[in-house]
Amino acid sequence: MKFSRGLAALMLTLFFNTLASAQYLYKDELIFNPAFSAEVQKLGSELNQRTGISLRLVMLKKLPQDMNIVEYEKELMKDFSEPTILLTFSEMDSKVDIYANQTSLYEYFDKKQVLSPLSSSVQAFVIALLNMDFSDMSSGGTILPLLAQKTKEGETLGKYAASMFNGYADIAEQIAASKGIVLENAVGSANQISILIVKVLFYSIVAYAIFLYIKRKFYLWRQKDESK
């Protein structure tokens, strides 16, 4: 069977596009969505061109046996010599981590904030108040609050993609801001819409809990007053 030059050119184009996508969506065992790959590639490529830092996303089904997520990231880092940051997610292990091959890279973004399970400072304060522990008030998480949301059947992969791209964009934009750069492909304020939804839901739950508490106290007060 003979191949036309046009078909051969198309195959080569698809091959090199796949390689390019794999550059910043370094591993993908979950999503397999060309649009998702293209968005990661576009943002990662611009960040690298303008800062010299490679931000790579790793989406795993499960970590290798007898290896934790940091050990796995260290193993992957052997493939890179340039300044590299890995954002890694493992579905079956329920793990998310950010790992850099140079300590100085952590100065360009707030790892604790990105990986915080809490989406706002108010939420952090309420949780700390309930636990009577104010030692860690980190908030502003752009990954875990979204991953924690319940989804309908068939929407789980969409949640994974949205959560991890949300965090990926957050890290990229923090690095750019630290370098005094504005990324053309930055998600910007749109990146925070889903987080805003989480905040609204949380505040609604807190407000309802306070309402029930006051209602219960008022009821007990009336009962006590009527028994006199």
C-alpha atoms as a PDB file:
ATOM      1  CA  MET A   1       0.000   0.000   0.000  1.00  0.00           C
ATOM      2  CA  LYS A   2       1.464   3.333  -1.083  1.00  0.00           C
ATOM      3  CA  PHE A   3       1.250   6.441   1.079  1.00  0.00           C
ATOM      4  CA  SER A   4       0.734   9.810  -0.527  1.00  0.00           C
ATOM      5  CA  ARG A   5       2.989  12.685   0.420  1.00  0.00           C
ATOM      6  CA  GLY A   6      -0.016  14.494   1.917  1.00  0.00           C
ATOM      7  CA  LEU A   7      -0.862  11.557   4.178  1.00  0.00           C
ATOM      8  CA  ALA A   8       2.755  11.187   5.246  1.00  0.00           C
ATOM      9  CA  ALA A   9       2.945  14.896   6.060  1.00  0.00           C
ATOM     10  CA  LEU A  10      -0.273  14.669   8.085  1.00  0.00           C
ATOM     11  CA  MET A  11       1.061  11.693  10.066  1.00  0.00           C
ATOM     12  CA  LEU A  12       4.302  13.531  10.799  1.00  0.00           C
ATOM     13  CA  THR A  13       2.385  16.618  11.895  1.00  0.00           C
ATOM     14  CA  LEU A  14       0.204  14.582  14.249  1.00  0.00           C
ATOM     15  CA  PHE A  15       3.293  12.800  15.604  1.00  0.00           C
ATOM     16  CA  PHE A  16       5.171  16.015  16.373  1.00  0.00           C
ATOM     17  CA  ASN A  17       2.046  17.663  17.816  1.00  0.00           C
ATOM     18  CA  THR A  18       1.713  14.691  20.168  1.00  0.00           C
ATOM     19  CA  LEU A  19       5.339  15.065  21.216  1.00  0.00           C
ATOM     20  CA  ALA A  20       4.835  18.798  21.780  1.00  0.00           C
ATOM     21  CA  SER A  21       1.764  18.190  23.925  1.00  0.00           C
ATOM     22  CA  ALA A  22       3.675  15.626  25.960  1.00  0.00           C
ATOM     23  CA  GLN A  23       6.288  18.266  26.734  1.00  0.00           C
ATOM     24  CA  TYR A  24       4.154  19.986  29.383  1.00  0.00           C
ATOM     25  CA  LEU A  25       1.363  17.460  29.886  1.00  0.00           C
ATOM     26  CA  TYR A  26       4.237  15.091  30.544  1.00  0.00           C
ATOM     27  CA  LYS A  27       2.155  12.037  31.436  1.00  0.00           C
ATOM     28  CA  ASP A  28      -1.568  11.538  30.983  1.00  0.00           C
ATOM     29  CA  GLU A  29      -3.127   8.238  32.062  1.00  0.00           C
ATOM     30  CA  LEU A  30      -6.558   9.742  32.761  1.00  0.00           C
ATOM     31  CA  ILE A  31      -7.903  12.530  30.547  1.00  0.00           C
ATOM     32  CA  PHE A  32      -6.855  11.772  26.921  1.00  0.00           C
ATOM     33  CA  ASN A  33      -8.517  14.964  25.711  1.00  0.00           C
ATOM     34  CA  PRO A  34      -6.799  16.902  22.871  1.00  0.00           C
ATOM     35  CA  ALA A  35      -8.336  20.221  24.002  1.00  0.00           C
ATOM     36  CA  PHE A  36      -7.018  19.725  27.546  1.00  0.00           C
ATOM     37  CA  SER A  37      -3.557  18.806  26.209  1.00  0.00           C
ATOM     38  CA  ALA A  38      -3.547  21.857  23.951  1.00  0.00           C
ATOM     39  CA  GLU A  39      -4.391  24.254  26.795  1.00  0.00           C
ATOM     40  CA  VAL A  40      -1.641  22.861  29.030  1.00  0.00           C
ATOM     41  CA  GLN A  41       0.835  22.978  26.141  1.00  0.00           C
ATOM     42  CA  LYS A  42      -0.074  26.562  25.240  1.00  0.00           C
ATOM     43  CA  LEU A  43       0.335  27.914  28.775  1.00  0.00           C
ATOM     44  CA  GLY A  44       3.378  25.783  29.601  1.00  0.00           C
ATOM     45  CA  SER A  45       5.137  26.714  26.376  1.00  0.00           C
ATOM     46  CA  GLU A  46       4.660  30.458  26.918  1.00  0.00           C
ATOM     47  CA  LEU A  47       5.818  30.209  30.533  1.00  0.00           C
ATOM     48  CA  ASN A  48       8.958  28.349  29.481  1.00  0.00           C
ATOM     49  CA  GLN A  49       9.764  30.726  26.624  1.00  0.00           C
ATOM     50  CA  ARG A  50       9.441  33.805  28.815  1.00  0.00           C
ATOM     51  CA  THR A  51      10.906  32.564  32.126  1.00  0.00           C
ATOM     52  CA  GLY A  52      13.071  29.553  31.269  1.00  0.00           C
ATOM     53  CA  ILE A  53      11.060  27.425  33.728  1.00  0.00           C
ATOM     54  CA  SER A  54       9.308  24.238  32.633  1.00  0.00           C
ATOM     55  CA  LEU A  55       6.050  23.515  34.461  1.00  0.00           C
ATOM     56  CA  ARG A  56       4.970  19.957  33.708  1.00  0.00           C
ATOM     57  CA  LEU A  57       1.686  18.271  34.582  1.00  0.00           C
ATOM     58  CA  VAL A  58       1.602  14.548  35.431  1.00  0.00           C
ATOM     59  CA  MET A  59      -1.767  12.767  35.553  1.00  0.00           C
ATOM     60  CA  LEU A  60      -1.464   9.195  36.865  1.00  0.00           C
ATOM     61  CA  LYS A  61      -3.954   6.408  37.363  1.00  0.00           C
ATOM     62  CA  LYS A  62      -1.840   4.966  40.178  1.00  0.00           C
ATOM     63  CA  LEU A  63       1.676   5.388  41.546  1.00  0.00           C
ATOM     64  CA  PRO A  64       4.148   2.538  40.978  1.00  0.00           C
ATOM     65  CA  GLN A  65       4.076  -0.089  43.718  1.00  0.00           C
ATOM     66  CA  ASP A  66       6.158   0.680  46.825  1.00  0.00           C
ATOM     67  CA  MET A  67       6.789   4.263  45.702  1.00  0.00           C
ATOM     68  CA  ASN A  68       5.284   7.420  47.228  1.00  0.00           C
ATOM     69  CA  ILE A  69       4.515  10.500  45.178  1.00  0.00           C
ATOM     70  CA  VAL A  70       7.706  12.406  46.085  1.00  0.00           C
ATOM     71  CA  GLU A  71       9.892   9.392  45.272  1.00  0.00           C
ATOM     72  CA  TYR A  72       8.115   9.099  41.932  1.00  0.00           C
ATOM     73  CA  GLU A  73       8.642  12.798  41.184  1.00  0.00           C
ATOM     74  CA  LYS A  74      12.343  12.527  42.047  1.00  0.00           C
ATOM     75  CA  GLU A  75      12.618   9.623  39.613  1.00  0.00           C
ATOM     76  CA  LEU A  76      10.941  11.641  36.855  1.00  0.00           C
ATOM     77  CA  MET A  77      13.228  14.593  37.501  1.00  0.00           C
ATOM     78  CA  LYS A  78      16.171  12.524  36.266  1.00  0.00           C
ATOM     79  CA  ASP A  79      14.819  13.191  32.757  1.00  0.00           C
ATOM     80  CA  PHE A  80      15.249  16.968  33.063  1.00  0.00           C
ATOM     81  CA  SER A  81      18.288  19.224  33.343  1.00  0.00           C
ATOM     82  CA  GLU A  82      16.528  22.592  32.928  1.00  0.00           C
ATOM     83  CA  PRO A  83      14.647  24.293  35.824  1.00  0.00           C
ATOM     84  CA  THR A  84      11.535  22.128  36.166  1.00  0.00           C
ATOM     85  CA  ILE A  85       8.447  22.025  38.377  1.00  0.00           C
ATOM     86  CA  LEU A  86       6.180  18.966  38.444  1.00  0.00           C
ATOM     87  CA  LEU A  87       2.513  19.145  39.376  1.00  0.00           C
ATOM     88  CA  THR A  88       1.527  15.518  39.959  1.00  0.00           C
ATOM     89  CA  PHE A  89      -1.862  13.888  40.542  1.00  0.00           C
ATOM     90  CA  SER A  90      -2.533  10.195  41.226  1.00  0.00           C
ATOM     91  CA  GLU A  91      -6.197   9.184  41.105  1.00  0.00           C
ATOM     92  CA  MET A  92      -6.119   5.833  42.935  1.00  0.00           C
ATOM     93  CA  ASP A  93      -3.734   7.133  45.606  1.00  0.00           C
ATOM     94  CA  SER A  94      -5.708  10.385  46.083  1.00  0.00           C
ATOM     95  CA  LYS A  95      -2.445  12.335  46.069  1.00  0.00           C
ATOM     96  CA  VAL A  96      -1.452  15.723  44.665  1.00  0.00           C
ATOM     97  CA  ASP A  97       2.016  17.236  44.968  1.00  0.00           C
ATOM     98  CA  ILE A  98       4.271  19.941  43.557  1.00  0.00           C
ATOM     99  CA  TYR A  99       7.989  19.209  43.278  1.00  0.00           C
ATOM    100  CA  ALA A 100      10.822  21.346  41.885  1.00  0.00           C
ATOM    101  CA  ASN A 101      14.302  20.185  40.911  1.00  0.00           C
ATOM    102  CA  GLN A 102      15.834  23.426  42.227  1.00  0.00           C
ATOM    103  CA  THR A 103      15.035  24.772  45.699  1.00  0.00           C
ATOM    104  CA  SER A 104      15.121  28.357  44.407  1.00  0.00           C
ATOM    105  CA  LEU A 105      12.063  27.650  42.207  1.00  0.00           C
ATOM    106  CA  TYR A 106       9.815  27.484  45.285  1.00  0.00           C
ATOM    107  CA  GLU A 107      10.454  31.212  45.758  1.00  0.00           C
ATOM    108  CA  TYR A 108       8.350  31.993  42.672  1.00  0.00           C
ATOM    109  CA  PHE A 109       5.091  30.435  43.916  1.00  0.00           C
ATOM    110  CA  ASP A 110       3.340  29.524  47.154  1.00  0.00           C
ATOM    111  CA  LYS A 111       3.165  25.734  47.298  1.00  0.00           C
ATOM    112  CA  LYS A 112       1.248  25.647  50.579  1.00  0.00           C
ATOM    113  CA  GLN A 113      -1.401  28.022  49.203  1.00  0.00           C
ATOM    114  CA  VAL A 114      -1.865  26.123  45.933  1.00  0.00           C
ATOM    115  CA  LEU A 115      -2.253  22.807  47.795  1.00  0.00           C
ATOM    116  CA  SER A 116      -4.391  24.155  50.633  1.00  0.00           C
ATOM    117  CA  PRO A 117      -7.641  22.174  51.085  1.00  0.00           C
ATOM    118  CA  LEU A 118      -9.316  25.479  51.988  1.00  0.00           C
ATOM    119  CA  SER A 119     -10.407  28.004  49.388  1.00  0.00           C
ATOM    120  CA  SER A 120     -10.514  31.184  51.519  1.00  0.00           C
ATOM    121  CA  SER A 121      -9.071  32.810  54.632  1.00  0.00           C
ATOM    122  CA  VAL A 122     -12.555  32.956  56.193  1.00  0.00           C
ATOM    123  CA  GLN A 123     -12.953  29.224  55.693  1.00  0.00           C
ATOM    124  CA  ALA A 124      -9.504  28.660  57.221  1.00  0.00           C
ATOM    125  CA  PHE A 125     -10.460  30.763  60.243  1.00  0.00           C
ATOM    126  CA  VAL A 126     -13.757  28.906  60.778  1.00  0.00           C
ATOM    127  CA  ILE A 127     -12.029  25.505  60.575  1.00  0.00           C
ATOM    128  CA  ALA A 128      -9.290  26.674  62.946  1.00  0.00           C
ATOM    129  CA  LEU A 129     -11.932  28.013  65.353  1.00  0.00           C
ATOM    130  CA  LEU A 130     -13.817  24.722  65.331  1.00  0.00           C
ATOM    131  CA  ASN A 131     -10.620  22.756  65.958  1.00  0.00           C
ATOM    132  CA  MET A 132      -9.131  25.381  68.293  1.00  0.00           C
ATOM    133  CA  ASP A 133      -5.898  25.141  66.334  1.00  0.00           C
ATOM    134  CA  PHE A 134      -4.576  28.302  64.667  1.00  0.00           C
ATOM    135  CA  SER A 135      -1.105  26.948  63.824  1.00  0.00           C
ATOM    136  CA  ASP A 136      -1.870  26.627  60.107  1.00  0.00           C
ATOM    137  CA  MET A 137      -4.126  29.241  58.496  1.00  0.00           C
ATOM    138  CA  SER A 138      -3.103  28.612  54.888  1.00  0.00           C
ATOM    139  CA  SER A 139      -5.907  29.016  52.357  1.00  0.00           C
ATOM    140  CA  GLY A 140      -6.572  29.950  48.751  1.00  0.00           C
ATOM    141  CA  GLY A 141      -6.233  26.380  47.474  1.00  0.00           C
ATOM    142  CA  THR A 142      -6.868  26.081  43.734  1.00  0.00           C
ATOM    143  CA  ILE A 143      -6.841  22.268  43.413  1.00  0.00           C
ATOM    144  CA  LEU A 144      -8.096  20.356  46.460  1.00  0.00           C
ATOM    145  CA  PRO A 145     -11.339  22.354  47.030  1.00  0.00           C
ATOM    146  CA  LEU A 146     -12.387  21.409  43.491  1.00  0.00           C
ATOM    147  CA  LEU A 147     -11.261  17.794  43.772  1.00  0.00           C
ATOM    148  CA  ALA A 148     -13.322  17.469  46.965  1.00  0.00           C
ATOM    149  CA  GLN A 149     -16.551  18.353  45.158  1.00  0.00           C
ATOM    150  CA  LYS A 150     -18.991  15.537  44.456  1.00  0.00           C
ATOM    151  CA  THR A 151     -19.718  14.871  40.806  1.00  0.00           C
ATOM    152  CA  LYS A 152     -22.382  13.042  38.865  1.00  0.00           C
ATOM    153  CA  GLU A 153     -21.621   9.825  37.033  1.00  0.00           C
ATOM    154  CA  GLY A 154     -19.504  10.531  33.985  1.00  0.00           C
ATOM    155  CA  GLU A 155     -18.231  13.909  35.243  1.00  0.00           C
ATOM    156  CA  THR A 156     -15.255  12.711  37.301  1.00  0.00           C
ATOM    157  CA  LEU A 157     -12.644  13.107  34.554  1.00  0.00           C
ATOM    158  CA  GLY A 158     -13.921  16.618  33.875  1.00  0.00           C
ATOM    159  CA  LYS A 159     -13.444  17.435  37.546  1.00  0.00           C
ATOM    160  CA  TYR A 160      -9.886  16.089  37.460  1.00  0.00           C
ATOM    161  CA  ALA A 161      -9.053  18.113  34.350  1.00  0.00           C
ATOM    162  CA  ALA A 162     -10.579  21.341  35.723  1.00  0.00           C
ATOM    163  CA  SER A 163      -8.945  20.955  39.146  1.00  0.00           C
ATOM    164  CA  MET A 164      -5.465  20.208  37.870  1.00  0.00           C
ATOM    165  CA  PHE A 165      -5.535  22.863  35.154  1.00  0.00           C
ATOM    166  CA  ASN A 166      -6.769  25.338  37.769  1.00  0.00           C
ATOM    167  CA  GLY A 167      -3.705  24.568  39.886  1.00  0.00           C
ATOM    168  CA  TYR A 168      -1.394  24.493  36.862  1.00  0.00           C
ATOM    169  CA  ALA A 169      -2.566  27.942  35.787  1.00  0.00           C
ATOM    170  CA  ASP A 170      -2.259  29.267  39.344  1.00  0.00           C
ATOM    171  CA  ILE A 171       1.383  28.152  39.590  1.00  0.00           C
ATOM    172  CA  ALA A 172       2.193  29.520  36.122  1.00  0.00           C
ATOM    173  CA  GLU A 173       0.642  32.894  36.865  1.00  0.00           C
ATOM    174  CA  GLN A 174       2.408  33.159  40.240  1.00  0.00           C
ATOM    175  CA  ILE A 175       5.760  32.417  38.581  1.00  0.00           C
ATOM    176  CA  ALA A 176       5.070  35.002  35.889  1.00  0.00           C
ATOM    177  CA  ALA A 177       4.057  37.621  38.474  1.00  0.00           C
ATOM    178  CA  SER A 178       7.255  36.934  40.449  1.00  0.00           C
ATOM    179  CA  LYS A 179       9.217  37.578  37.255  1.00  0.00           C
ATOM    180  CA  GLY A 180       7.231  40.739  36.457  1.00  0.00           C
ATOM    181  CA  ILE A 181       5.600  39.144  33.415  1.00  0.00           C
ATOM    182  CA  VAL A 182       1.984  38.967  32.256  1.00  0.00           C
ATOM    183  CA  LEU A 183       1.224  35.779  30.336  1.00  0.00           C
ATOM    184  CA  GLU A 184      -0.921  36.196  27.230  1.00  0.00           C
ATOM    185  CA  ASN A 185      -2.408  32.737  27.787  1.00  0.00           C
ATOM    186  CA  ALA A 186      -3.069  33.277  31.508  1.00  0.00           C
ATOM    187  CA  VAL A 187      -6.491  32.184  32.699  1.00  0.00           C
ATOM    188  CA  GLY A 188      -6.714  35.161  35.067  1.00  0.00           C
ATOM    189  CA  SER A 189      -9.958  35.903  36.883  1.00  0.00           C
ATOM    190  CA  ALA A 190     -11.831  33.184  34.999  1.00  0.00           C
ATOM    191  CA  ASN A 191      -9.631  30.726  36.842  1.00  0.00           C
ATOM    192  CA  GLN A 192     -11.314  31.687  40.116  1.00  0.00           C
ATOM    193  CA  ILE A 193     -14.962  31.200  39.126  1.00  0.00           C
ATOM    194  CA  SER A 194     -15.076  27.575  40.238  1.00  0.00           C
ATOM    195  CA  ILE A 195     -13.328  28.491  43.496  1.00  0.00           C
ATOM    196  CA  LEU A 196     -15.927  31.233  44.049  1.00  0.00           C
ATOM    197  CA  ILE A 197     -18.660  28.610  43.725  1.00  0.00           C
ATOM    198  CA  VAL A 198     -16.946  26.519  46.409  1.00  0.00           C
ATOM    199  CA  LYS A 199     -16.742  29.556  48.684  1.00  0.00           C
ATOM    200  CA  VAL A 200     -20.431  30.398  48.216  1.00  0.00           C
ATOM    201  CA  LEU A 201     -21.415  26.818  49.032  1.00  0.00           C
ATOM    202  CA  PHE A 202     -19.209  26.816  52.111  1.00  0.00           C
ATOM    203  CA  TYR A 203     -20.507  30.134  53.427  1.00  0.00           C
ATOM    204  CA  SER A 204     -24.067  28.952  52.840  1.00  0.00           C
ATOM    205  CA  ILE A 205     -23.426  25.830  54.917  1.00  0.00           C
ATOM    206  CA  VAL A 206     -21.796  27.882  57.686  1.00  0.00           C
ATOM    207  CA  ALA A 207     -24.665  30.385  57.701  1.00  0.00           C
ATOM    208  CA  TYR A 208     -27.233  27.582  57.853  1.00  0.00           C
ATOM    209  CA  ALA A 209     -25.334  25.898  60.720  1.00  0.00           C
ATOM    210  CA  ILE A 210     -25.284  29.182  62.658  1.00  0.00           C
ATOM    211  CA  PHE A 211     -29.015  29.619  61.991  1.00  0.00           C
ATOM    212  CA  LEU A 212     -29.765  26.133  63.344  1.00  0.00           C
ATOM    213  CA  TYR A 213     -27.561  26.772  66.385  1.00  0.00           C
ATOM    214  CA  ILE A 214     -29.352  30.043  67.217  1.00  0.00           C
ATOM    215  CA  LYS A 215     -32.738  28.447  66.580  1.00  0.00           C
ATOM    216  CA  ARG A 216     -31.881  25.585  68.948  1.00  0.00           C
ATOM    217  CA  LYS A 217     -30.650  27.962  71.642  1.00  0.00           C
ATOM    218  CA  PHE A 218     -33.791  30.083  71.301  1.00  0.00           C
ATOM    219  CA  TYR A 219     -35.980  26.967  71.537  1.00  0.00           C
ATOM    220  CA  LEU A 220     -34.204  25.774  74.705  1.00  0.00           C
ATOM    221  CA  TRP A 221     -34.486  29.254  76.198  1.00  0.00           C
ATOM    222  CA  ARG A 222     -38.249  29.303  75.547  1.00  0.00           C
ATOM    223  CA  GLN A 223     -38.675  25.820  76.975  1.00  0.00           C
ATOM    224  CA  LYS A 224     -36.766  26.787  80.097  1.00  0.00           C
ATOM    225  CA  ASP A 225     -38.776  30.015  80.446  1.00  0.00           C
ATOM    226  CA  GLU A 226     -42.121  28.216  80.051  1.00  0.00           C
ATOM    227  CA  SER A 227     -41.243  25.610  82.675  1.00  0.00           C
ATOM    228  CA  LYS A 228     -40.839  28.239  85.373  1.00  0.00           C
END
